[in-house]
Amino acid sequence: ADQLEVYLPENQPEFKADIVVANILAQPLRELHEIILGFLKPQG
């Protein structure tokens, strides 16, 4: 529990991650691609 943080989208902090995993649906994956990719560092 001390290593997992959870947020609603409107409350999420700004950060860059090494890895993103998104198990949702094709339509939101397409529509939200800029947001999803915005979490990733270069070469993430």
PDB file of all heavy atoms in Angstrom:
ATOM      1  N   ALA A   1       0.814  -1.215   0.000  1.00  0.00           N
ATOM      2  CA  ALA A   1       0.000   0.000   0.000  1.00  0.00           C
ATOM      3  C   ALA A   1       0.845   1.262   0.000  1.00  0.00           C
ATOM      4  O   ALA A   1       0.423   2.298  -0.533  1.00  0.00           O
ATOM      5  CB  ALA A   1      -0.943  -0.008   1.206  1.00  0.00           C
ATOM      6  N   ASP A   2       2.045   1.203   0.582  1.00  0.00           N
ATOM      7  CA  ASP A   2       2.884   2.404   0.642  1.00  0.00           C
ATOM      8  C   ASP A   2       3.525   2.734  -0.699  1.00  0.00           C
ATOM      9  O   ASP A   2       4.095   3.821  -0.863  1.00  0.00           O
ATOM     10  CB  ASP A   2       3.968   2.237   1.705  1.00  0.00           C
ATOM     11  CG  ASP A   2       4.869   1.038   1.457  1.00  0.00           C
ATOM     12  OD1 ASP A   2       4.434   0.098   0.757  1.00  0.00           O
ATOM     13  OD2 ASP A   2       6.013   1.038   1.960  1.00  0.00           O
ATOM     14  N   GLN A   3       3.433   1.837  -1.673  1.00  0.00           N
ATOM     15  CA  GLN A   3       4.028   2.091  -2.994  1.00  0.00           C
ATOM     16  C   GLN A   3       2.991   2.382  -4.074  1.00  0.00           C
ATOM     17  O   GLN A   3       3.349   2.703  -5.203  1.00  0.00           O
ATOM     18  CB  GLN A   3       4.871   0.881  -3.434  1.00  0.00           C
ATOM     19  CG  GLN A   3       6.103   0.657  -2.566  1.00  0.00           C
ATOM     20  CD  GLN A   3       6.738  -0.686  -2.875  1.00  0.00           C
ATOM     21  OE1 GLN A   3       6.458  -1.694  -2.218  1.00  0.00           O
ATOM     22  NE2 GLN A   3       7.589  -0.713  -3.883  1.00  0.00           N
ATOM     23  N   LEU A   4       1.708   2.274  -3.732  1.00  0.00           N
ATOM     24  CA  LEU A   4       0.636   2.488  -4.702  1.00  0.00           C
ATOM     25  C   LEU A   4      -0.142   3.751  -4.354  1.00  0.00           C
ATOM     26  O   LEU A   4      -0.667   3.889  -3.247  1.00  0.00           O
ATOM     27  CB  LEU A   4      -0.325   1.292  -4.730  1.00  0.00           C
ATOM     28  CG  LEU A   4      -1.526   1.424  -5.668  1.00  0.00           C
ATOM     29  CD1 LEU A   4      -1.086   1.397  -7.124  1.00  0.00           C
ATOM     30  CD2 LEU A   4      -2.556   0.327  -5.399  1.00  0.00           C
ATOM     31  N   GLU A   5      -0.222   4.678  -5.287  1.00  0.00           N
ATOM     32  CA  GLU A   5      -1.039   5.881  -5.149  1.00  0.00           C
ATOM     33  C   GLU A   5      -2.174   5.793  -6.174  1.00  0.00           C
ATOM     34  O   GLU A   5      -1.943   5.375  -7.311  1.00  0.00           O
ATOM     35  CB  GLU A   5      -0.208   7.133  -5.431  1.00  0.00           C
ATOM     36  CG  GLU A   5       1.066   7.248  -4.609  1.00  0.00           C
ATOM     37  CD  GLU A   5       1.994   8.304  -5.182  1.00  0.00           C
ATOM     38  OE1 GLU A   5       1.490   9.305  -5.751  1.00  0.00           O
ATOM     39  OE2 GLU A   5       3.225   8.129  -5.084  1.00  0.00           O
ATOM     40  N   VAL A   6      -3.370   6.185  -5.776  1.00  0.00           N
ATOM     41  CA  VAL A   6      -4.501   6.119  -6.702  1.00  0.00           C
ATOM     42  C   VAL A   6      -5.211   7.464  -6.747  1.00  0.00           C
ATOM     43  O   VAL A   6      -5.362   8.142  -5.721  1.00  0.00           O
ATOM     44  CB  VAL A   6      -5.488   4.995  -6.327  1.00  0.00           C
ATOM     45  CG1 VAL A   6      -4.872   3.633  -6.570  1.00  0.00           C
ATOM     46  CG2 VAL A   6      -5.956   5.115  -4.884  1.00  0.00           C
ATOM     47  N   TYR A   7      -5.671   7.843  -7.946  1.00  0.00           N
ATOM     48  CA  TYR A   7      -6.268   9.152  -8.149  1.00  0.00           C
ATOM     49  C   TYR A   7      -7.411   9.076  -9.155  1.00  0.00           C
ATOM     50  O   TYR A   7      -7.360   8.279 -10.110  1.00  0.00           O
ATOM     51  CB  TYR A   7      -5.235  10.144  -8.703  1.00  0.00           C
ATOM     52  CG  TYR A   7      -4.035  10.362  -7.832  1.00  0.00           C
ATOM     53  CD1 TYR A   7      -2.852   9.647  -8.062  1.00  0.00           C
ATOM     54  CD2 TYR A   7      -4.056  11.289  -6.791  1.00  0.00           C
ATOM     55  CE1 TYR A   7      -1.732   9.846  -7.273  1.00  0.00           C
ATOM     56  CE2 TYR A   7      -2.938  11.496  -5.998  1.00  0.00           C
ATOM     57  CZ  TYR A   7      -1.784  10.773  -6.237  1.00  0.00           C
ATOM     58  OH  TYR A   7      -0.672  10.975  -5.446  1.00  0.00           O
ATOM     59  N   LEU A   8      -8.402   9.929  -8.967  1.00  0.00           N
ATOM     60  CA  LEU A   8      -9.311  10.266 -10.041  1.00  0.00           C
ATOM     61  C   LEU A   8      -8.568  11.174 -11.020  1.00  0.00           C
ATOM     62  O   LEU A   8      -7.628  11.873 -10.621  1.00  0.00           O
ATOM     63  CB  LEU A   8     -10.547  10.976  -9.498  1.00  0.00           C
ATOM     64  CG  LEU A   8     -11.446  10.167  -8.557  1.00  0.00           C
ATOM     65  CD1 LEU A   8     -12.491  11.074  -7.930  1.00  0.00           C
ATOM     66  CD2 LEU A   8     -12.112   9.004  -9.289  1.00  0.00           C
ATOM     67  N   PRO A   9      -8.952  11.192 -12.296  1.00  0.00           N
ATOM     68  CA  PRO A   9      -8.206  11.987 -13.276  1.00  0.00           C
ATOM     69  C   PRO A   9      -8.047  13.459 -12.888  1.00  0.00           C
ATOM     70  O   PRO A   9      -6.987  14.047 -13.112  1.00  0.00           O
ATOM     71  CB  PRO A   9      -9.032  11.841 -14.557  1.00  0.00           C
ATOM     72  CG  PRO A   9      -9.704  10.519 -14.406  1.00  0.00           C
ATOM     73  CD  PRO A   9     -10.017  10.395 -12.946  1.00  0.00           C
ATOM     74  N   GLU A  10      -9.077  14.033 -12.271  1.00  0.00           N
ATOM     75  CA  GLU A  10      -8.994  15.458 -11.942  1.00  0.00           C
ATOM     76  C   GLU A  10      -8.049  15.746 -10.781  1.00  0.00           C
ATOM     77  O   GLU A  10      -7.675  16.900 -10.537  1.00  0.00           O
ATOM     78  CB  GLU A  10     -10.388  16.011 -11.616  1.00  0.00           C
ATOM     79  CG  GLU A  10     -11.093  15.327 -10.463  1.00  0.00           C
ATOM     80  CD  GLU A  10     -12.009  14.201 -10.892  1.00  0.00           C
ATOM     81  OE1 GLU A  10     -11.733  13.588 -11.952  1.00  0.00           O
ATOM     82  OE2 GLU A  10     -12.997  13.937 -10.182  1.00  0.00           O
ATOM     83  N   ASN A  11      -7.628  14.693 -10.057  1.00  0.00           N
ATOM     84  CA  ASN A  11      -6.757  14.889  -8.891  1.00  0.00           C
ATOM     85  C   ASN A  11      -5.339  14.397  -9.100  1.00  0.00           C
ATOM     86  O   ASN A  11      -4.508  14.511  -8.195  1.00  0.00           O
ATOM     87  CB  ASN A  11      -7.356  14.173  -7.671  1.00  0.00           C
ATOM     88  CG  ASN A  11      -8.716  14.707  -7.293  1.00  0.00           C
ATOM     89  OD1 ASN A  11      -8.989  15.890  -7.466  1.00  0.00           O
ATOM     90  ND2 ASN A  11      -9.581  13.837  -6.790  1.00  0.00           N
ATOM     91  N   GLN A  12      -5.058  13.834 -10.258  1.00  0.00           N
ATOM     92  CA  GLN A  12      -3.747  13.218 -10.459  1.00  0.00           C
ATOM     93  C   GLN A  12      -2.634  14.265 -10.463  1.00  0.00           C
ATOM     94  O   GLN A  12      -2.803  15.369 -10.966  1.00  0.00           O
ATOM     95  CB  GLN A  12      -3.731  12.437 -11.778  1.00  0.00           C
ATOM     96  CG  GLN A  12      -3.831  13.310 -13.004  1.00  0.00           C
ATOM     97  CD  GLN A  12      -4.187  12.537 -14.248  1.00  0.00           C
ATOM     98  OE1 GLN A  12      -4.898  11.550 -14.200  1.00  0.00           O
ATOM     99  NE2 GLN A  12      -3.684  12.985 -15.385  1.00  0.00           N
ATOM    100  N   PRO A  13      -1.474  13.934  -9.895  1.00  0.00           N
ATOM    101  CA  PRO A  13      -0.359  14.877  -9.881  1.00  0.00           C
ATOM    102  C   PRO A  13       0.369  14.894 -11.219  1.00  0.00           C
ATOM    103  O   PRO A  13       0.140  14.032 -12.081  1.00  0.00           O
ATOM    104  CB  PRO A  13       0.550  14.304  -8.788  1.00  0.00           C
ATOM    105  CG  PRO A  13       0.290  12.824  -8.838  1.00  0.00           C
ATOM    106  CD  PRO A  13      -1.167  12.670  -9.202  1.00  0.00           C
ATOM    107  N   GLU A  14       1.237  15.864 -11.401  1.00  0.00           N
ATOM    108  CA  GLU A  14       2.087  15.907 -12.591  1.00  0.00           C
ATOM    109  C   GLU A  14       3.335  15.076 -12.323  1.00  0.00           C
ATOM    110  O   GLU A  14       3.984  15.239 -11.290  1.00  0.00           O
ATOM    111  CB  GLU A  14       2.458  17.347 -12.934  1.00  0.00           C
ATOM    112  CG  GLU A  14       1.275  18.183 -13.399  1.00  0.00           C
ATOM    113  CD  GLU A  14       1.694  19.555 -13.886  1.00  0.00           C
ATOM    114  OE1 GLU A  14       2.919  19.771 -14.041  1.00  0.00           O
ATOM    115  OE2 GLU A  14       0.818  20.393 -14.107  1.00  0.00           O
ATOM    116  N   PHE A  15       3.688  14.225 -13.259  1.00  0.00           N
ATOM    117  CA  PHE A  15       4.858  13.368 -13.102  1.00  0.00           C
ATOM    118  C   PHE A  15       5.169  12.728 -14.443  1.00  0.00           C
ATOM    119  O   PHE A  15       4.367  12.783 -15.375  1.00  0.00           O
ATOM    120  CB  PHE A  15       4.608  12.278 -12.057  1.00  0.00           C
ATOM    121  CG  PHE A  15       3.451  11.388 -12.407  1.00  0.00           C
ATOM    122  CD1 PHE A  15       3.633  10.244 -13.162  1.00  0.00           C
ATOM    123  CD2 PHE A  15       2.160  11.709 -12.013  1.00  0.00           C
ATOM    124  CE1 PHE A  15       2.574   9.439 -13.510  1.00  0.00           C
ATOM    125  CE2 PHE A  15       1.078  10.909 -12.361  1.00  0.00           C
ATOM    126  CZ  PHE A  15       1.297   9.768 -13.104  1.00  0.00           C
ATOM    127  N   LYS A  16       6.316  12.105 -14.538  1.00  0.00           N
ATOM    128  CA  LYS A  16       6.701  11.319 -15.703  1.00  0.00           C
ATOM    129  C   LYS A  16       7.070   9.916 -15.235  1.00  0.00           C
ATOM    130  O   LYS A  16       7.784   9.753 -14.241  1.00  0.00           O
ATOM    131  CB  LYS A  16       7.890  11.948 -16.429  1.00  0.00           C
ATOM    132  CG  LYS A  16       7.581  13.278 -17.102  1.00  0.00           C
ATOM    133  CD  LYS A  16       6.675  13.101 -18.317  1.00  0.00           C
ATOM    134  CE  LYS A  16       6.447  14.419 -19.039  1.00  0.00           C
ATOM    135  NZ  LYS A  16       5.594  14.267 -20.236  1.00  0.00           N
ATOM    136  N   ALA A  17       6.576   8.922 -15.953  1.00  0.00           N
ATOM    137  CA  ALA A  17       6.794   7.529 -15.570  1.00  0.00           C
ATOM    138  C   ALA A  17       7.661   6.808 -16.588  1.00  0.00           C
ATOM    139  O   ALA A  17       7.775   7.229 -17.748  1.00  0.00           O
ATOM    140  CB  ALA A  17       5.456   6.807 -15.432  1.00  0.00           C
ATOM    141  N   ASP A  18       8.241   5.721 -16.135  1.00  0.00           N
ATOM    142  CA  ASP A  18       9.047   4.881 -17.022  1.00  0.00           C
ATOM    143  C   ASP A  18       8.174   3.971 -17.870  1.00  0.00           C
ATOM    144  O   ASP A  18       8.538   3.617 -18.997  1.00  0.00           O
ATOM    145  CB  ASP A  18      10.007   4.012 -16.192  1.00  0.00           C
ATOM    146  CG  ASP A  18      10.900   4.833 -15.293  1.00  0.00           C
ATOM    147  OD1 ASP A  18      11.807   5.502 -15.825  1.00  0.00           O
ATOM    148  OD2 ASP A  18      10.688   4.806 -14.064  1.00  0.00           O
ATOM    149  N   ILE A  19       7.019   3.603 -17.308  1.00  0.00           N
ATOM    150  CA  ILE A  19       6.161   2.596 -17.949  1.00  0.00           C
ATOM    151  C   ILE A  19       4.699   2.986 -17.746  1.00  0.00           C
ATOM    152  O   ILE A  19       4.307   3.432 -16.666  1.00  0.00           O
ATOM    153  CB  ILE A  19       6.427   1.194 -17.356  1.00  0.00           C
ATOM    154  CG1 ILE A  19       7.796   0.684 -17.812  1.00  0.00           C
ATOM    155  CG2 ILE A  19       5.330   0.200 -17.738  1.00  0.00           C
ATOM    156  CD1 ILE A  19       8.229  -0.592 -17.151  1.00  0.00           C
ATOM    157  N   VAL A  20       3.902   2.800 -18.791  1.00  0.00           N
ATOM    158  CA  VAL A  20       2.446   2.973 -18.699  1.00  0.00           C
ATOM    159  C   VAL A  20       1.783   1.690 -19.188  1.00  0.00           C
ATOM    160  O   VAL A  20       2.151   1.154 -20.236  1.00  0.00           O
ATOM    161  CB  VAL A  20       1.945   4.164 -19.542  1.00  0.00           C
ATOM    162  CG1 VAL A  20       0.421   4.132 -19.656  1.00  0.00           C
ATOM    163  CG2 VAL A  20       2.394   5.484 -18.931  1.00  0.00           C
ATOM    164  N   VAL A  21       0.817   1.221 -18.423  1.00  0.00           N
ATOM    165  CA  VAL A  21      -0.021   0.114 -18.882  1.00  0.00           C
ATOM    166  C   VAL A  21      -1.461   0.596 -18.805  1.00  0.00           C
ATOM    167  O   VAL A  21      -1.895   1.153 -17.790  1.00  0.00           O
ATOM    168  CB  VAL A  21       0.218  -1.169 -18.052  1.00  0.00           C
ATOM    169  CG1 VAL A  21      -0.056  -0.957 -16.580  1.00  0.00           C
ATOM    170  CG2 VAL A  21      -0.588  -2.336 -18.586  1.00  0.00           C
ATOM    171  N   ALA A  22      -2.206   0.448 -19.905  1.00  0.00           N
ATOM    172  CA  ALA A  22      -3.569   0.970 -19.998  1.00  0.00           C
ATOM    173  C   ALA A  22      -4.479  -0.125 -20.530  1.00  0.00           C
ATOM    174  O   ALA A  22      -4.469  -0.432 -21.724  1.00  0.00           O
ATOM    175  CB  ALA A  22      -3.612   2.192 -20.915  1.00  0.00           C
ATOM    176  N   ASN A  23      -5.242  -0.721 -19.647  1.00  0.00           N
ATOM    177  CA  ASN A  23      -6.181  -1.774 -20.029  1.00  0.00           C
ATOM    178  C   ASN A  23      -7.580  -1.183 -19.944  1.00  0.00           C
ATOM    179  O   ASN A  23      -8.275  -1.328 -18.941  1.00  0.00           O
ATOM    180  CB  ASN A  23      -6.028  -2.979 -19.100  1.00  0.00           C
ATOM    181  CG  ASN A  23      -6.950  -4.124 -19.478  1.00  0.00           C
ATOM    182  OD1 ASN A  23      -7.412  -4.206 -20.613  1.00  0.00           O
ATOM    183  ND2 ASN A  23      -7.224  -5.005 -18.533  1.00  0.00           N
ATOM    184  N   ILE A  24      -7.975  -0.483 -21.010  1.00  0.00           N
ATOM    185  CA  ILE A  24      -9.294   0.152 -21.005  1.00  0.00           C
ATOM    186  C   ILE A  24     -10.058  -0.313 -22.248  1.00  0.00           C
ATOM    187  O   ILE A  24     -10.374  -1.484 -22.350  1.00  0.00           O
ATOM    188  CB  ILE A  24      -9.183   1.688 -20.865  1.00  0.00           C
ATOM    189  CG1 ILE A  24      -8.100   2.308 -21.786  1.00  0.00           C
ATOM    190  CG2 ILE A  24      -8.887   2.056 -19.420  1.00  0.00           C
ATOM    191  CD1 ILE A  24      -8.027   3.820 -21.727  1.00  0.00           C
ATOM    192  N   LEU A  25     -10.307   0.550 -23.212  1.00  0.00           N
ATOM    193  CA  LEU A  25     -10.988   0.189 -24.451  1.00  0.00           C
ATOM    194  C   LEU A  25     -10.384   0.981 -25.595  1.00  0.00           C
ATOM    195  O   LEU A  25      -9.729   2.007 -25.393  1.00  0.00           O
ATOM    196  CB  LEU A  25     -12.489   0.472 -24.359  1.00  0.00           C
ATOM    197  CG  LEU A  25     -13.319  -0.419 -23.429  1.00  0.00           C
ATOM    198  CD1 LEU A  25     -14.715   0.168 -23.247  1.00  0.00           C
ATOM    199  CD2 LEU A  25     -13.402  -1.839 -23.951  1.00  0.00           C
ATOM    200  N   ALA A  26     -10.609   0.508 -26.814  1.00  0.00           N
ATOM    201  CA  ALA A  26      -9.979   1.128 -27.978  1.00  0.00           C
ATOM    202  C   ALA A  26     -10.362   2.593 -28.137  1.00  0.00           C
ATOM    203  O   ALA A  26      -9.506   3.439 -28.419  1.00  0.00           O
ATOM    204  CB  ALA A  26     -10.339   0.344 -29.243  1.00  0.00           C
ATOM    205  N   GLN A  27     -11.640   2.901 -27.980  1.00  0.00           N
ATOM    206  CA  GLN A  27     -12.064   4.295 -28.205  1.00  0.00           C
ATOM    207  C   GLN A  27     -11.391   5.267 -27.249  1.00  0.00           C
ATOM    208  O   GLN A  27     -10.818   6.269 -27.696  1.00  0.00           O
ATOM    209  CB  GLN A  27     -13.584   4.407 -28.113  1.00  0.00           C
ATOM    210  CG  GLN A  27     -14.097   5.818 -28.414  1.00  0.00           C
ATOM    211  CD  GLN A  27     -15.603   5.886 -28.466  1.00  0.00           C
ATOM    212  OE1 GLN A  27     -16.270   4.916 -28.794  1.00  0.00           O
ATOM    213  NE2 GLN A  27     -16.147   7.037 -28.135  1.00  0.00           N
ATOM    214  N   PRO A  28     -11.425   5.045 -25.913  1.00  0.00           N
ATOM    215  CA  PRO A  28     -10.702   5.981 -25.046  1.00  0.00           C
ATOM    216  C   PRO A  28      -9.195   5.948 -25.244  1.00  0.00           C
ATOM    217  O   PRO A  28      -8.529   6.966 -25.053  1.00  0.00           O
ATOM    218  CB  PRO A  28     -11.098   5.549 -23.628  1.00  0.00           C
ATOM    219  CG  PRO A  28     -11.680   4.194 -23.768  1.00  0.00           C
ATOM    220  CD  PRO A  28     -12.256   4.107 -25.136  1.00  0.00           C
ATOM    221  N   LEU A  29      -8.630   4.818 -25.639  1.00  0.00           N
ATOM    222  CA  LEU A  29      -7.201   4.789 -25.948  1.00  0.00           C
ATOM    223  C   LEU A  29      -6.869   5.732 -27.093  1.00  0.00           C
ATOM    224  O   LEU A  29      -5.843   6.427 -27.077  1.00  0.00           O
ATOM    225  CB  LEU A  29      -6.752   3.369 -26.299  1.00  0.00           C
ATOM    226  CG  LEU A  29      -6.585   2.400 -25.124  1.00  0.00           C
ATOM    227  CD1 LEU A  29      -6.381   0.973 -25.635  1.00  0.00           C
ATOM    228  CD2 LEU A  29      -5.430   2.817 -24.230  1.00  0.00           C
ATOM    229  N   ARG A  30      -7.737   5.764 -28.088  1.00  0.00           N
ATOM    230  CA  ARG A  30      -7.516   6.687 -29.204  1.00  0.00           C
ATOM    231  C   ARG A  30      -7.767   8.136 -28.783  1.00  0.00           C
ATOM    232  O   ARG A  30      -6.967   9.032 -29.053  1.00  0.00           O
ATOM    233  CB  ARG A  30      -8.421   6.306 -30.386  1.00  0.00           C
ATOM    234  CG  ARG A  30      -8.068   4.977 -31.053  1.00  0.00           C
ATOM    235  CD  ARG A  30      -8.871   4.775 -32.330  1.00  0.00           C
ATOM    236  NE  ARG A  30     -10.284   4.622 -32.052  1.00  0.00           N
ATOM    237  CZ  ARG A  30     -10.929   3.442 -32.044  1.00  0.00           C
ATOM    238  NH1 ARG A  30     -10.263   2.335 -32.276  1.00  0.00           N
ATOM    239  NH2 ARG A  30     -12.229   3.393 -31.801  1.00  0.00           N
ATOM    240  N   GLU A  31      -8.887   8.368 -28.122  1.00  0.00           N
ATOM    241  CA  GLU A  31      -9.266   9.736 -27.770  1.00  0.00           C
ATOM    242  C   GLU A  31      -8.331  10.363 -26.749  1.00  0.00           C
ATOM    243  O   GLU A  31      -8.110  11.581 -26.762  1.00  0.00           O
ATOM    244  CB  GLU A  31     -10.701   9.746 -27.233  1.00  0.00           C
ATOM    245  CG  GLU A  31     -11.755   9.397 -28.282  1.00  0.00           C
ATOM    246  CD  GLU A  31     -13.152   9.356 -27.692  1.00  0.00           C
ATOM    247  OE1 GLU A  31     -13.270   9.428 -26.446  1.00  0.00           O
ATOM    248  OE2 GLU A  31     -14.123   9.251 -28.470  1.00  0.00           O
ATOM    249  N   LEU A  32      -7.785   9.556 -25.847  1.00  0.00           N
ATOM    250  CA  LEU A  32      -6.957  10.074 -24.754  1.00  0.00           C
ATOM    251  C   LEU A  32      -5.466   9.865 -24.989  1.00  0.00           C
ATOM    252  O   LEU A  32      -4.681   9.912 -24.044  1.00  0.00           O
ATOM    253  CB  LEU A  32      -7.372   9.393 -23.435  1.00  0.00           C
ATOM    254  CG  LEU A  32      -8.838   9.555 -23.017  1.00  0.00           C
ATOM    255  CD1 LEU A  32      -9.123   8.744 -21.766  1.00  0.00           C
ATOM    256  CD2 LEU A  32      -9.188  11.017 -22.802  1.00  0.00           C
ATOM    257  N   HIS A  33      -5.059   9.641 -26.239  1.00  0.00           N
ATOM    258  CA  HIS A  33      -3.666   9.285 -26.487  1.00  0.00           C
ATOM    259  C   HIS A  33      -2.688  10.361 -26.029  1.00  0.00           C
ATOM    260  O   HIS A  33      -1.596  10.044 -25.532  1.00  0.00           O
ATOM    261  CB  HIS A  33      -3.440   8.942 -27.962  1.00  0.00           C
ATOM    262  CG  HIS A  33      -3.520  10.108 -28.894  1.00  0.00           C
ATOM    263  ND1 HIS A  33      -4.711  10.612 -29.376  1.00  0.00           N
ATOM    264  CD2 HIS A  33      -2.544  10.897 -29.431  1.00  0.00           C
ATOM    265  CE1 HIS A  33      -4.469  11.638 -30.165  1.00  0.00           C
ATOM    266  NE2 HIS A  33      -3.163  11.846 -30.219  1.00  0.00           N
ATOM    267  N   GLU A  34      -3.056  11.630 -26.155  1.00  0.00           N
ATOM    268  CA  GLU A  34      -2.142  12.686 -25.722  1.00  0.00           C
ATOM    269  C   GLU A  34      -1.957  12.669 -24.205  1.00  0.00           C
ATOM    270  O   GLU A  34      -0.842  12.859 -23.706  1.00  0.00           O
ATOM    271  CB  GLU A  34      -2.652  14.048 -26.192  1.00  0.00           C
ATOM    272  CG  GLU A  34      -2.598  14.234 -27.704  1.00  0.00           C
ATOM    273  CD  GLU A  34      -3.040  15.631 -28.120  1.00  0.00           C
ATOM    274  OE1 GLU A  34      -3.488  16.395 -27.236  1.00  0.00           O
ATOM    275  OE2 GLU A  34      -2.931  15.946 -29.314  1.00  0.00           O
ATOM    276  N   ILE A  35      -3.045  12.441 -23.478  1.00  0.00           N
ATOM    277  CA  ILE A  35      -2.960  12.362 -22.019  1.00  0.00           C
ATOM    278  C   ILE A  35      -2.136  11.156 -21.593  1.00  0.00           C
ATOM    279  O   ILE A  35      -1.247  11.246 -20.735  1.00  0.00           O
ATOM    280  CB  ILE A  35      -4.368  12.303 -21.409  1.00  0.00           C
ATOM    281  CG1 ILE A  35      -5.105  13.618 -21.655  1.00  0.00           C
ATOM    282  CG2 ILE A  35      -4.307  11.984 -19.918  1.00  0.00           C
ATOM    283  CD1 ILE A  35      -6.557  13.596 -21.242  1.00  0.00           C
ATOM    284  N   ILE A  36      -2.415  10.000 -22.201  1.00  0.00           N
ATOM    285  CA  ILE A  36      -1.706   8.769 -21.835  1.00  0.00           C
ATOM    286  C   ILE A  36      -0.221   8.889 -22.149  1.00  0.00           C
ATOM    287  O   ILE A  36       0.642   8.570 -21.312  1.00  0.00           O
ATOM    288  CB  ILE A  36      -2.335   7.561 -22.564  1.00  0.00           C
ATOM    289  CG1 ILE A  36      -3.770   7.334 -22.055  1.00  0.00           C
ATOM    290  CG2 ILE A  36      -1.492   6.304 -22.366  1.00  0.00           C
ATOM    291  CD1 ILE A  36      -4.566   6.337 -22.876  1.00  0.00           C
ATOM    292  N   LEU A  37       0.103   9.370 -23.327  1.00  0.00           N
ATOM    293  CA  LEU A  37       1.511   9.518 -23.698  1.00  0.00           C
ATOM    294  C   LEU A  37       2.206  10.589 -22.865  1.00  0.00           C
ATOM    295  O   LEU A  37       3.424  10.535 -22.659  1.00  0.00           O
ATOM    296  CB  LEU A  37       1.618   9.854 -25.178  1.00  0.00           C
ATOM    297  CG  LEU A  37       1.262   8.714 -26.141  1.00  0.00           C
ATOM    298  CD1 LEU A  37       1.103   9.245 -27.560  1.00  0.00           C
ATOM    299  CD2 LEU A  37       2.327   7.625 -26.093  1.00  0.00           C
ATOM    300  N   GLY A  38       1.420  11.553 -22.364  1.00  0.00           N
ATOM    301  CA  GLY A  38       2.001  12.604 -21.541  1.00  0.00           C
ATOM    302  C   GLY A  38       2.568  12.114 -20.230  1.00  0.00           C
ATOM    303  O   GLY A  38       3.371  12.809 -19.594  1.00  0.00           O
ATOM    304  N   PHE A  39       2.199  10.907 -19.802  1.00  0.00           N
ATOM    305  CA  PHE A  39       2.758  10.341 -18.577  1.00  0.00           C
ATOM    306  C   PHE A  39       4.169   9.781 -18.778  1.00  0.00           C
ATOM    307  O   PHE A  39       4.890   9.543 -17.806  1.00  0.00           O
ATOM    308  CB  PHE A  39       1.870   9.205 -18.056  1.00  0.00           C
ATOM    309  CG  PHE A  39       0.517   9.642 -17.589  1.00  0.00           C
ATOM    310  CD1 PHE A  39      -0.628   9.060 -18.095  1.00  0.00           C
ATOM    311  CD2 PHE A  39       0.381  10.643 -16.631  1.00  0.00           C
ATOM    312  CE1 PHE A  39      -1.882   9.452 -17.665  1.00  0.00           C
ATOM    313  CE2 PHE A  39      -0.872  11.039 -16.190  1.00  0.00           C
ATOM    314  CZ  PHE A  39      -2.005  10.448 -16.712  1.00  0.00           C
ATOM    315  N   LEU A  40       4.558   9.530 -20.016  1.00  0.00           N
ATOM    316  CA  LEU A  40       5.771   8.760 -20.280  1.00  0.00           C
ATOM    317  C   LEU A  40       7.009   9.623 -20.480  1.00  0.00           C
ATOM    318  O   LEU A  40       6.968  10.645 -21.155  1.00  0.00           O
ATOM    319  CB  LEU A  40       5.572   7.888 -21.525  1.00  0.00           C
ATOM    320  CG  LEU A  40       4.965   6.501 -21.305  1.00  0.00           C
ATOM    321  CD1 LEU A  40       4.660   5.852 -22.638  1.00  0.00           C
ATOM    322  CD2 LEU A  40       5.898   5.619 -20.486  1.00  0.00           C
ATOM    323  N   LYS A  41       8.122   9.141 -19.921  1.00  0.00           N
ATOM    324  CA  LYS A  41       9.422   9.722 -20.210  1.00  0.00           C
ATOM    325  C   LYS A  41       9.851   9.319 -21.627  1.00  0.00           C
ATOM    326  O   LYS A  41       9.318   8.345 -22.188  1.00  0.00           O
ATOM    327  CB  LYS A  41      10.464   9.184 -19.225  1.00  0.00           C
ATOM    328  CG  LYS A  41      10.214   9.508 -17.762  1.00  0.00           C
ATOM    329  CD  LYS A  41      11.251   8.822 -16.889  1.00  0.00           C
ATOM    330  CE  LYS A  41      11.014   9.105 -15.410  1.00  0.00           C
ATOM    331  NZ  LYS A  41      11.992   8.379 -14.554  1.00  0.00           N
ATOM    332  N   PRO A  42      10.800  10.029 -22.227  1.00  0.00           N
ATOM    333  CA  PRO A  42      11.379   9.545 -23.487  1.00  0.00           C
ATOM    334  C   PRO A  42      11.944   8.137 -23.290  1.00  0.00           C
ATOM    335  O   PRO A  42      12.504   7.815 -22.243  1.00  0.00           O
ATOM    336  CB  PRO A  42      12.486  10.562 -23.782  1.00  0.00           C
ATOM    337  CG  PRO A  42      12.052  11.807 -23.068  1.00  0.00           C
ATOM    338  CD  PRO A  42      11.355  11.336 -21.825  1.00  0.00           C
ATOM    339  N   GLN A  43      11.731   7.304 -24.282  1.00  0.00           N
ATOM    340  CA  GLN A  43      12.143   5.899 -24.233  1.00  0.00           C
ATOM    341  C   GLN A  43      11.382   5.106 -23.165  1.00  0.00           C
ATOM    342  O   GLN A  43      11.838   4.066 -22.695  1.00  0.00           O
ATOM    343  CB  GLN A  43      13.652   5.774 -23.985  1.00  0.00           C
ATOM    344  CG  GLN A  43      14.512   6.381 -25.087  1.00  0.00           C
ATOM    345  CD  GLN A  43      14.396   5.590 -26.404  1.00  0.00           C
ATOM    346  OE1 GLN A  43      14.957   4.516 -26.559  1.00  0.00           O
ATOM    347  NE2 GLN A  43      13.640   6.147 -27.345  1.00  0.00           N
ATOM    348  N   GLY A  44      10.208   5.620 -22.801  1.00  0.00           N
ATOM    349  CA  GLY A  44       9.363   4.879 -21.874  1.00  0.00           C
ATOM    350  C   GLY A  44       8.570   3.810 -22.607  1.00  0.00           C
ATOM    351  O   GLY A  44       8.291   3.918 -23.809  1.00  0.00           O
TER     352      GLY A  44
END
